[in-house]
Protein backbone atom coordinates (compact mmCIF):
# COMPACT_ATOMS: atom_id res chain seq x y z
CA MET A 1 5.98 8.12 -24.71
CA LEU A 2 4.37 4.76 -23.70
CA PHE A 3 6.49 1.59 -23.73
CA ASN A 4 3.33 -0.15 -25.97
CA SER A 5 3.67 2.51 -28.83
CA LEU A 6 5.29 2.72 -31.91
CA GLU A 7 6.87 5.68 -31.20
CA PHE A 8 8.73 4.21 -28.19
CA LEU A 9 9.88 1.33 -30.45
CA LEU A 10 11.36 3.82 -32.87
CA PHE A 11 12.88 5.68 -29.99
CA PHE A 12 14.42 2.68 -28.59
CA VAL A 13 15.94 1.53 -32.01
CA VAL A 14 17.44 4.97 -32.76
CA VAL A 15 18.94 5.57 -29.11
CA THR A 16 20.45 2.08 -28.63
CA THR A 17 21.96 2.16 -31.95
CA PHE A 18 23.68 5.59 -31.47
CA TYR A 19 24.56 4.50 -28.14
CA TYR A 20 26.89 1.86 -29.58
CA LEU A 21 28.16 3.96 -32.56
CA LEU A 22 29.01 7.00 -29.91
CA PRO A 23 32.30 7.08 -28.35
CA HIS A 24 32.05 6.22 -24.55
CA ARG A 25 32.54 9.67 -23.12
CA PHE A 26 29.44 11.04 -25.44
CA ARG A 27 26.95 8.21 -24.13
CA TRP A 28 25.85 10.30 -20.98
CA MET A 29 25.11 12.90 -22.99
CA LEU A 30 22.84 10.77 -25.45
CA LEU A 31 21.26 9.09 -22.60
CA LEU A 32 20.25 12.41 -20.68
CA SER A 33 19.13 14.11 -23.86
CA ALA A 34 17.11 10.92 -24.84
CA SER A 35 15.91 10.76 -21.26
CA CYS A 36 14.77 14.32 -21.52
CA LEU A 37 12.85 13.95 -24.72
CA PHE A 38 11.20 10.96 -23.28
CA TYR A 39 9.94 12.90 -20.19
CA MET A 40 8.87 15.93 -21.83
CA TYR A 41 6.86 13.96 -24.55
CA PHE A 42 4.27 13.55 -21.99
CA LYS A 43 4.39 17.36 -20.68
CA PRO A 44 7.23 19.10 -21.52
CA ILE A 45 6.77 21.89 -18.77
CA TYR A 46 7.59 19.37 -16.01
CA ILE A 47 10.85 18.70 -16.81
CA LEU A 48 11.45 21.95 -14.63
CA ILE A 49 10.43 20.40 -11.69
CA LEU A 50 12.76 17.65 -12.57
CA GLY A 51 15.64 19.89 -13.12
CA PHE A 52 15.00 21.97 -9.67
CA THR A 53 15.31 18.83 -7.53
CA ILE A 54 18.19 17.50 -9.59
CA VAL A 55 20.17 20.79 -8.94
CA VAL A 56 19.22 20.79 -5.24
CA ASP A 57 20.10 17.34 -4.88
CA TYR A 58 23.46 17.63 -6.83
CA TRP A 59 24.50 20.17 -4.40
CA VAL A 60 23.26 18.60 -1.38
CA GLY A 61 25.16 15.57 -2.11
CA ILE A 62 28.61 17.80 -2.97
CA GLU A 63 28.18 19.52 0.65
CA LEU A 64 27.20 16.39 2.79
CA GLU A 65 30.69 15.01 1.34
CA LYS A 66 32.64 18.15 2.31
CA CYS A 67 30.92 18.54 5.75
CA GLU A 68 32.39 16.89 8.75
CA ASN A 69 30.12 18.47 11.22
CA GLN A 70 27.40 15.93 11.91
CA SER A 71 24.69 18.67 13.19
CA LYS A 72 25.41 20.57 9.96
CA ARG A 73 25.19 17.12 7.80
CA LYS A 74 21.67 16.50 9.10
CA ILE A 75 20.68 20.26 8.45
CA ILE A 76 21.73 19.81 5.12
CA LEU A 77 20.08 16.35 4.61
CA ILE A 78 16.69 17.87 6.03
CA LEU A 79 16.69 20.63 3.58
CA SER A 80 17.29 18.27 0.79
CA LEU A 81 14.20 16.30 1.96
CA ILE A 82 12.14 19.27 2.53
CA ALA A 83 12.56 20.25 -1.09
CA ASN A 84 11.90 16.76 -2.56
CA LEU A 85 8.89 16.16 -0.53
CA GLY A 86 7.81 19.61 -0.80
CA VAL A 87 7.65 19.24 -4.39
CA LEU A 88 5.65 15.88 -4.01
CA ILE A 89 3.42 17.41 -1.71
CA GLU A 90 2.82 20.61 -3.73
CA PHE A 91 1.75 18.59 -6.75
CA LYS A 92 0.38 15.48 -5.41
CA TYR A 93 -1.11 16.02 -2.14
CA ALA A 94 -1.83 19.51 -1.93
CA ASN A 95 -5.11 19.61 -2.98
CA PHE A 96 -6.14 16.32 -0.85
CA ILE A 97 -5.05 18.00 1.96
CA VAL A 98 -7.28 21.45 0.97
CA ASP A 99 -10.37 19.18 0.35
CA ASN A 100 -10.09 17.61 3.42
CA ILE A 101 -9.76 21.11 5.14
CA ASN A 102 -12.82 21.76 3.30
CA GLN A 103 -14.80 19.24 4.46
CA LEU A 104 -14.07 19.76 7.92
CA LEU A 105 -14.85 23.56 7.36
CA SER A 106 -18.26 22.35 6.21
CA PHE A 107 -18.81 20.14 9.01
CA SER A 108 -18.45 23.32 11.63
CA ASN A 109 -21.04 25.26 9.31
CA SER A 110 -18.35 27.52 8.13
CA HIS A 111 -18.71 29.07 4.76
CA VAL A 112 -15.12 29.59 4.14
CA GLN A 113 -13.72 27.34 1.70
CA ILE A 114 -9.93 27.29 0.41
CA PRO A 115 -9.75 27.00 -3.47
CA LEU A 116 -8.08 24.25 -4.67
CA LEU A 117 -4.98 24.61 -7.18
CA GLU A 118 -5.39 24.15 -10.86
CA ILE A 119 -2.21 21.87 -11.25
CA ALA A 120 -1.78 18.36 -12.65
CA LEU A 121 0.44 15.63 -11.13
CA PRO A 122 3.61 15.41 -13.18
CA ILE A 123 3.70 11.72 -14.37
CA GLY A 124 5.92 9.46 -12.29
CA LEU A 125 6.71 11.98 -9.55
CA SER A 126 6.73 9.68 -6.89
CA PHE A 127 8.98 7.16 -8.41
CA HIS A 128 11.87 9.82 -9.19
CA THR A 129 11.46 11.71 -5.96
CA PHE A 130 12.12 8.84 -3.88
CA GLN A 131 14.92 7.78 -6.04
CA ALA A 132 16.44 11.13 -5.72
CA MET A 133 16.17 10.81 -1.81
CA SER A 134 17.85 7.53 -1.88
CA TYR A 135 20.93 9.28 -3.27
CA THR A 136 21.31 11.87 -0.70
CA ILE A 137 20.30 9.53 2.32
CA GLU A 138 23.07 7.28 1.08
CA VAL A 139 25.44 9.87 0.84
CA TYR A 140 24.69 11.13 4.39
CA ARG A 141 25.44 7.72 5.79
CA LYS A 142 28.68 7.77 3.95
CA ASN A 143 27.70 4.56 1.92
CA GLN A 144 27.82 6.23 -1.41
CA LYS A 145 30.35 8.83 -2.58
CA ALA A 146 28.83 12.01 -3.91
CA GLU A 147 28.70 12.54 -7.52
CA HIS A 148 30.54 15.47 -8.89
CA HIS A 149 29.68 14.94 -12.62
CA PHE A 150 26.50 17.04 -12.89
CA GLY A 151 25.43 15.13 -15.98
CA THR A 152 26.12 11.81 -14.50
CA TYR A 153 23.84 12.46 -11.31
CA ALA A 154 20.93 14.12 -13.64
CA LEU A 155 21.30 10.80 -15.63
CA TYR A 156 20.85 8.73 -12.49
CA VAL A 157 17.66 10.53 -11.70
CA MET A 158 16.29 10.83 -15.32
CA PHE A 159 17.36 7.33 -17.09
CA TYR A 160 14.56 6.82 -19.07
CA PRO A 161 13.72 3.01 -18.80
CA GLN A 162 13.04 3.49 -14.98
CA LEU A 163 12.14 7.35 -14.75
CA VAL A 164 8.40 6.91 -15.07
CA ALA A 165 7.58 3.93 -13.11
CA GLY A 166 10.54 2.40 -11.59
CA PRO A 167 12.23 0.12 -10.45
CA ILE A 168 13.23 2.87 -7.68
CA GLU A 169 17.24 2.10 -7.80
CA ARG A 170 19.88 2.80 -5.34
CA PRO A 171 22.60 5.10 -6.21
CA GLN A 172 25.23 2.11 -5.66
CA ASN A 173 23.72 0.01 -8.14
CA ILE A 174 23.47 2.22 -10.94
CA LEU A 175 25.67 5.51 -10.97
CA HIS A 176 29.05 3.72 -11.14
CA GLN A 177 27.51 1.80 -14.40
CA PHE A 178 27.01 5.03 -16.22
CA LYS A 179 30.72 5.37 -15.95
CA ALA A 180 32.01 2.06 -17.12
CA LYS A 181 32.82 1.73 -20.68
CA ILE A 182 30.29 -0.99 -22.11
CA ASN A 183 31.16 -2.58 -25.22
CA PHE A 184 28.36 -4.20 -27.60
CA SER A 185 26.98 -7.66 -26.24
CA TYR A 186 24.94 -9.90 -28.21
CA THR A 187 23.88 -11.66 -25.28
CA ASN A 188 22.90 -8.33 -23.58
CA LEU A 189 20.74 -7.67 -26.73
CA LYS A 190 19.30 -11.04 -26.71
CA THR A 191 18.39 -10.93 -23.03
CA GLY A 192 17.12 -7.27 -22.87
CA LEU A 193 14.73 -8.18 -25.90
CA VAL A 194 13.50 -11.04 -24.19
CA PHE A 195 12.40 -9.22 -21.14
CA ILE A 196 11.12 -6.60 -23.15
CA LEU A 197 9.06 -8.89 -25.24
CA ILE A 198 8.13 -10.57 -21.85
CA GLY A 199 6.78 -7.23 -20.47
CA LEU A 200 4.79 -6.61 -23.73
CA ILE A 201 3.13 -9.77 -23.25
CA LYS A 202 2.05 -9.15 -19.71
CA LYS A 203 0.94 -5.93 -20.87
CA ILE A 204 -0.85 -6.07 -24.22
CA VAL A 205 -1.92 -9.56 -24.15
CA ILE A 206 -3.13 -9.80 -20.30
CA ALA A 207 -3.31 -6.81 -18.60
CA ASP A 208 -4.89 -4.66 -21.26
CA ARG A 209 -7.38 -7.69 -22.17
CA LEU A 210 -8.39 -8.13 -18.36
CA GLY A 211 -8.49 -4.48 -18.17
CA TYR A 212 -11.23 -4.17 -20.91
CA TYR A 213 -13.48 -6.56 -18.67
CA VAL A 214 -12.61 -4.93 -15.28
CA ASP A 215 -13.46 -1.34 -16.81
CA SER A 216 -16.85 -2.85 -18.15
CA TYR A 217 -17.79 -4.18 -14.86
CA TYR A 218 -17.32 -0.79 -12.94
CA ASP A 219 -18.72 1.22 -15.35
CA ASN A 220 -22.01 -1.05 -15.27
CA LEU A 221 -21.65 -1.66 -11.52
CA GLN A 222 -24.99 -0.89 -10.13
CA THR A 223 -26.53 -3.97 -12.60
CA MET A 224 -23.76 -6.43 -11.55
CA THR A 225 -24.32 -9.65 -9.04
CA PHE A 226 -21.90 -12.11 -7.41
CA LEU A 227 -20.42 -14.08 -10.66
CA PRO A 228 -19.23 -11.05 -12.60
CA THR A 229 -18.11 -9.40 -9.34
CA VAL A 230 -15.79 -12.20 -8.48
CA ILE A 231 -14.46 -12.52 -12.14
CA ALA A 232 -13.84 -8.55 -11.88
CA ILE A 233 -11.67 -8.87 -8.64
CA THR A 234 -9.76 -11.65 -9.68
CA PHE A 235 -9.15 -10.10 -13.34
CA TYR A 236 -8.09 -7.03 -11.58
CA SER A 237 -5.52 -8.62 -9.37
CA PHE A 238 -3.99 -9.97 -12.54
CA GLN A 239 -4.20 -7.01 -14.31
CA ILE A 240 -2.48 -4.71 -12.08
CA TYR A 241 0.31 -7.34 -11.43
CA CYS A 242 0.89 -7.87 -15.20
CA ASP A 243 0.66 -4.20 -16.11
CA PHE A 244 3.13 -3.02 -13.32
CA SER A 245 5.48 -6.18 -13.53
CA GLY A 246 5.00 -5.61 -17.62
CA TYR A 247 6.58 -2.24 -17.26
CA SER A 248 9.24 -3.21 -14.98
CA SER A 249 10.30 -6.15 -17.15
CA ILE A 250 10.18 -3.60 -20.25
CA ALA A 251 12.31 -1.15 -18.19
CA ILE A 252 15.11 -3.95 -17.32
CA GLY A 253 15.20 -5.60 -20.95
CA THR A 254 15.73 -1.60 -22.33
CA ALA A 255 18.25 -1.09 -19.90
CA LYS A 256 19.74 -4.36 -20.54
CA CYS A 257 20.45 -3.54 -23.94
CA LEU A 258 22.44 -0.78 -23.23
CA GLY A 259 24.43 -3.04 -20.91
CA ILE A 260 23.10 -1.67 -17.60
CA ASN A 261 21.37 -3.88 -15.10
CA LEU A 262 18.28 -2.57 -13.08
CA MET A 263 17.05 -4.32 -10.04
CA LYS A 264 14.34 -7.00 -9.82
CA ASN A 265 11.28 -5.58 -8.95
CA PHE A 266 8.60 -8.54 -9.23
CA ASP A 267 9.50 -12.16 -8.13
CA ASN A 268 5.90 -14.23 -8.69
CA PRO A 269 4.23 -12.52 -5.80
CA TYR A 270 0.95 -14.28 -6.20
CA SER A 271 2.82 -17.46 -5.14
CA ALA A 272 3.44 -16.01 -1.38
CA SER A 273 2.04 -18.04 1.29
CA THR A 274 2.42 -15.27 4.03
CA PHE A 275 1.81 -11.76 3.23
CA ARG A 276 5.60 -10.90 4.51
CA ASP A 277 6.41 -13.05 1.81
CA PHE A 278 3.96 -11.43 -0.92
CA TRP A 279 5.80 -7.96 0.26
CA LYS A 280 9.50 -9.52 -0.42
CA LYS A 281 8.02 -10.33 -3.98
CA TRP A 282 5.76 -7.13 -4.88
CA HIS A 283 7.22 -3.97 -6.02
CA ILE A 284 10.44 -4.86 -4.39
CA SER A 285 12.37 -1.72 -4.99
CA LEU A 286 9.60 0.21 -3.32
CA SER A 287 9.09 -2.23 -0.39
CA SER A 288 12.92 -2.41 0.21
CA TRP A 289 13.05 1.36 0.13
CA PHE A 290 10.67 1.50 2.94
CA ARG A 291 12.25 -1.18 4.74
CA ASP A 292 15.78 0.71 4.67
CA TYR A 293 14.65 4.23 5.10
CA VAL A 294 11.67 3.89 7.50
CA PHE A 295 11.15 0.67 9.16
CA ILE A 296 14.88 -0.11 9.89
CA PRO A 297 15.45 3.56 11.53
CA LEU A 298 12.33 3.14 13.36
CA GLY A 299 13.57 0.36 15.10
CA GLY A 300 12.51 -2.62 12.53
CA SER A 301 11.84 -5.80 14.45
CA ARG A 302 14.81 -5.42 16.54
CA VAL A 303 12.30 -3.79 19.14
CA SER A 304 9.23 -4.92 21.19
CA SER A 305 6.42 -6.62 19.35
CA PHE A 306 4.19 -3.96 20.00
CA LEU A 307 7.06 -1.37 18.74
CA THR A 308 7.41 -3.84 15.67
CA ASN A 309 3.77 -3.80 14.97
CA ARG A 310 3.75 0.19 15.31
CA ASN A 311 6.69 0.42 12.64
CA LEU A 312 4.90 -1.73 10.23
CA LEU A 313 1.72 0.47 10.54
CA ILE A 314 3.65 3.41 9.93
CA VAL A 315 5.33 1.71 6.92
CA PHE A 316 2.13 0.79 5.39
CA LEU A 317 0.19 3.78 6.07
CA LEU A 318 2.95 5.81 4.09
CA SER A 319 2.95 3.49 1.45
CA GLY A 320 -0.86 3.63 0.93
CA ILE A 321 -0.40 7.54 0.76
CA TRP A 322 2.62 6.96 -1.47
CA HIS A 323 0.22 5.34 -4.01
CA GLY A 324 -2.24 8.17 -4.12
CA ALA A 325 -3.75 11.24 -2.63
CA LYS A 326 -7.20 9.31 -1.62
CA TRP A 327 -8.39 7.77 1.42
CA THR A 328 -9.11 4.40 -0.35
CA PHE A 329 -5.34 4.22 -0.79
CA VAL A 330 -4.58 4.68 2.92
CA PHE A 331 -7.16 2.07 3.61
CA TRP A 332 -5.44 -0.26 1.16
CA GLY A 333 -2.10 0.06 2.89
CA LEU A 334 -3.82 -0.24 6.45
CA ILE A 335 -5.33 -3.71 5.11
CA HIS A 336 -1.85 -5.18 4.38
CA ALA A 337 -0.57 -3.64 7.77
CA ALA A 338 -3.49 -5.25 9.57
CA PHE A 339 -2.57 -8.71 8.04
CA LEU A 340 1.06 -8.32 8.57
CA ILE A 341 0.37 -7.43 12.23
CA PHE A 342 -1.85 -10.58 12.77
CA GLU A 343 1.02 -12.62 11.23
CA ASN A 344 3.26 -11.39 13.86
CA ILE A 345 1.00 -11.95 16.70
CA THR A 346 -0.15 -15.58 15.48
CA LYS A 347 3.28 -16.59 14.30
CA SER A 348 3.95 -19.16 17.24
CA SER A 349 0.37 -20.24 17.46
CA ARG A 350 -0.41 -24.08 17.00
CA PHE A 351 -3.63 -23.20 14.78
CA ARG A 352 -1.43 -21.96 12.21
CA ILE A 353 -2.51 -23.38 8.52
CA HIS A 354 0.24 -25.81 7.46
CA ASN A 355 -1.26 -26.47 3.93
CA LYS A 356 0.89 -24.33 1.24
CA PHE A 357 -1.75 -24.24 -1.21
CA ILE A 358 -4.41 -23.15 1.27
CA LYS A 359 -1.97 -20.39 2.38
CA GLN A 360 -1.39 -19.06 -0.90
CA LEU A 361 -5.01 -19.04 -1.77
CA PHE A 362 -5.79 -17.13 1.57
CA VAL A 363 -3.16 -14.69 0.87
CA PHE A 364 -4.15 -14.13 -3.00
CA VAL A 365 -7.90 -13.54 -1.68
CA ILE A 366 -7.14 -10.90 0.81
CA VAL A 367 -4.89 -9.42 -1.59
CA SER A 368 -7.16 -9.45 -4.21
CA ILE A 369 -10.07 -7.91 -1.88
CA ALA A 370 -7.75 -5.07 -0.94
CA TRP A 371 -7.18 -4.25 -4.59
CA VAL A 372 -10.70 -3.29 -4.76
CA PHE A 373 -10.02 -0.05 -2.57
CA PHE A 374 -7.11 0.50 -4.88
CA ARG A 375 -9.30 0.35 -7.96
CA SER A 376 -12.28 2.15 -6.38
CA PRO A 377 -12.28 5.63 -6.88
CA SER A 378 -14.34 6.02 -3.71
CA PHE A 379 -15.34 4.23 -0.71
CA GLU A 380 -18.69 4.23 -1.65
CA ILE A 381 -17.80 2.22 -5.13
CA ALA A 382 -15.54 0.04 -3.16
CA TYR A 383 -18.41 -0.71 -0.67
CA THR A 384 -20.78 -1.57 -3.31
CA VAL A 385 -18.41 -3.84 -5.05
CA LEU A 386 -17.59 -5.75 -1.72
CA ARG A 387 -21.60 -5.73 -0.78
CA LYS A 388 -22.18 -7.60 -4.16
CA LEU A 389 -19.41 -9.94 -3.24
CA ILE A 390 -20.74 -11.01 0.55
CA ALA A 391 -24.31 -10.99 -0.86
CA PHE A 392 -24.54 -14.22 -2.71
CA ASN A 393 -26.68 -13.96 -5.24
CA VAL A 394 -27.77 -17.49 -6.67
CA ASP A 395 -29.50 -15.64 -9.62
CA SER A 396 -26.21 -14.36 -10.84
CA ARG A 397 -26.81 -15.28 -14.59
CA ILE A 398 -24.18 -15.94 -17.17
CA THR A 399 -25.87 -13.54 -19.22
CA GLN A 400 -24.30 -10.79 -17.44
CA LEU A 401 -20.75 -11.97 -18.34
CA SER A 402 -21.59 -11.97 -22.07
CA ALA A 403 -23.11 -8.37 -21.44
CA LEU A 404 -19.64 -7.15 -20.65
CA LEU A 405 -17.62 -9.47 -23.05
CA SER A 406 -18.29 -11.68 -25.90
CA PRO A 407 -17.91 -15.50 -24.74
CA LEU A 408 -14.85 -15.40 -27.05
CA ASN A 409 -13.10 -12.45 -25.27
CA LEU A 410 -14.18 -13.92 -22.02
CA LEU A 411 -12.30 -17.04 -23.03
CA LEU A 412 -9.27 -15.28 -24.20
CA CYS A 413 -8.94 -13.58 -20.54
CA PHE A 414 -9.07 -16.83 -18.97
CA ILE A 415 -6.41 -18.27 -21.65
CA SER A 416 -4.53 -15.06 -20.71
CA ILE A 417 -4.22 -15.62 -16.97
CA ILE A 418 -2.97 -19.49 -17.91
CA LEU A 419 -0.27 -18.11 -19.93
CA LEU A 420 0.98 -15.88 -17.08
CA TYR A 421 1.27 -18.95 -15.10
CA PHE A 422 3.70 -20.67 -17.67
CA ILE A 423 5.47 -17.21 -18.12
CA ASP A 424 6.27 -16.70 -14.46
CA ARG A 425 7.27 -20.39 -13.84
CA VAL A 426 9.64 -21.34 -16.98
CA ARG A 427 12.89 -20.79 -16.46
CA PHE A 428 14.59 -17.63 -18.25
CA GLY A 429 17.64 -19.25 -19.35
CA LYS A 430 15.37 -21.61 -21.55
CA ILE A 431 13.50 -18.92 -23.04
CA ARG A 432 16.81 -17.29 -23.79
CA LYS A 433 18.22 -20.35 -25.51
CA LYS A 434 15.04 -20.72 -27.79
CA ALA A 435 14.84 -16.81 -28.14
CA LEU A 436 14.06 -17.02 -31.99
CA LEU A 437 11.03 -19.14 -31.27
CA PHE A 438 10.00 -17.04 -28.19
CA PHE A 439 10.06 -14.12 -30.23
CA ILE A 440 7.90 -15.55 -33.01
CA VAL A 441 5.20 -16.97 -30.62
CA GLY A 442 5.14 -14.03 -28.51
CA THR A 443 5.05 -11.41 -31.63
CA LEU A 444 1.81 -13.97 -32.69
CA LEU A 445 0.36 -13.74 -29.33
CA ILE A 446 0.73 -9.79 -29.29
CA ILE A 447 -1.13 -9.77 -32.72
CA LEU A 448 -3.75 -12.05 -32.23
CA ILE A 449 -4.70 -11.73 -28.52
CA GLY A 450 -3.30 -8.58 -27.44
CA LYS A 451 -5.24 -5.41 -27.00
CA THR A 452 -3.06 -2.92 -29.10
CA ASN A 453 -4.94 0.30 -28.09
CA GLU A 454 -1.70 1.66 -26.47
CA ALA A 455 -3.41 2.05 -23.01
CA GLN A 456 -1.55 3.86 -20.50
CA PHE A 457 0.20 1.82 -17.72
CA ILE A 458 -1.38 1.95 -14.41
CA TYR A 459 1.21 3.21 -11.87
CA PHE A 460 1.94 6.28 -14.31
CA GLN A 461 -0.76 7.85 -11.95
CA PHE A 462 1.78 7.55 -9.16
């Protein structure tokens, strides 16, 4: 069930209405049932995978709380991590591993080939797996008490607004909210609806419209030249940002209408003037997850420069793998690692750039080029795109642009980017105070400019 569908609109209205009509003690049942229905709308059978990890981690949490022996506690935690990562590896990385083994066998002139598994990736698997692991790790660290109510813990993993594409929550932030008695609040409802509308504008008006050009570019890649390539790379940077931050905004808004606060996942990342700053603003729930559970345990930045850079390399190697079972994702992560390490090495250099706009532009350009590997299904296609970018062709005719999009649609693409600039910079309080006007204008934008084709969110594949 997509957030940008009429089915979800009906689902959201019904669930929110009954949530406030029901007594507090029954609300967890409603939310858990609704979350199961929401997830099963995509592929019902995969609810069993979620059920397995929920049962395992619920038991692990209780056992960790009861056990005082540190060695046994570590074994219990490891069993939990193996169960969660085992499921993730089985469904997301097994065929990737097998395919690479088969290629090595081919290079060695072996006629042996391992058959690929005929399985599909469960939607949002990486997100709820990391959220589940966050719970067991925090209980192990004694930062969080084990949840003894099975329904409440299951809801922690399955809460439908952020089940498929985050934000990846921590148990300290959200578990207690499921138990709190929440009364209907007009302020919460208005705030939530504003978030939802901002998310829909980002997705339907901006991301999907830009995505139509980007998809057309890649479908006609061999005939493209310099100018269409520059525009496609730029458009994809804004497309993926608006698509993902749009989802996060809708998730945050949907939860807010229920009186539940989710963490902020984006903070105007393309305003970053350093790569370190970019990762403080982009996909905050994932970057903070890797910081707290990988980077800091490895020693963080409290160790030597060499080890700090090693830790960054490990984190972004894992981040690339987290995003997808392709070498292009790994290379995307390594690009970010390389520039973060470069920043560390040159942070005391007198030759650093001091002009903020130039620094912001530099970060945006490198991030946009890295997105080419994220968007391209293979290195060959990524290489083709970058070759067209580097080999400046003065014969980049404007007619190629009109072959991909009509002049009007191309103009609407640029208007949507300008619209994003104002959406990300206007104060949220001002929007909320003029909510009625914002709803009217936002709805008109969706109807008049939006691509209402119910396109799937990009991050659903992760």
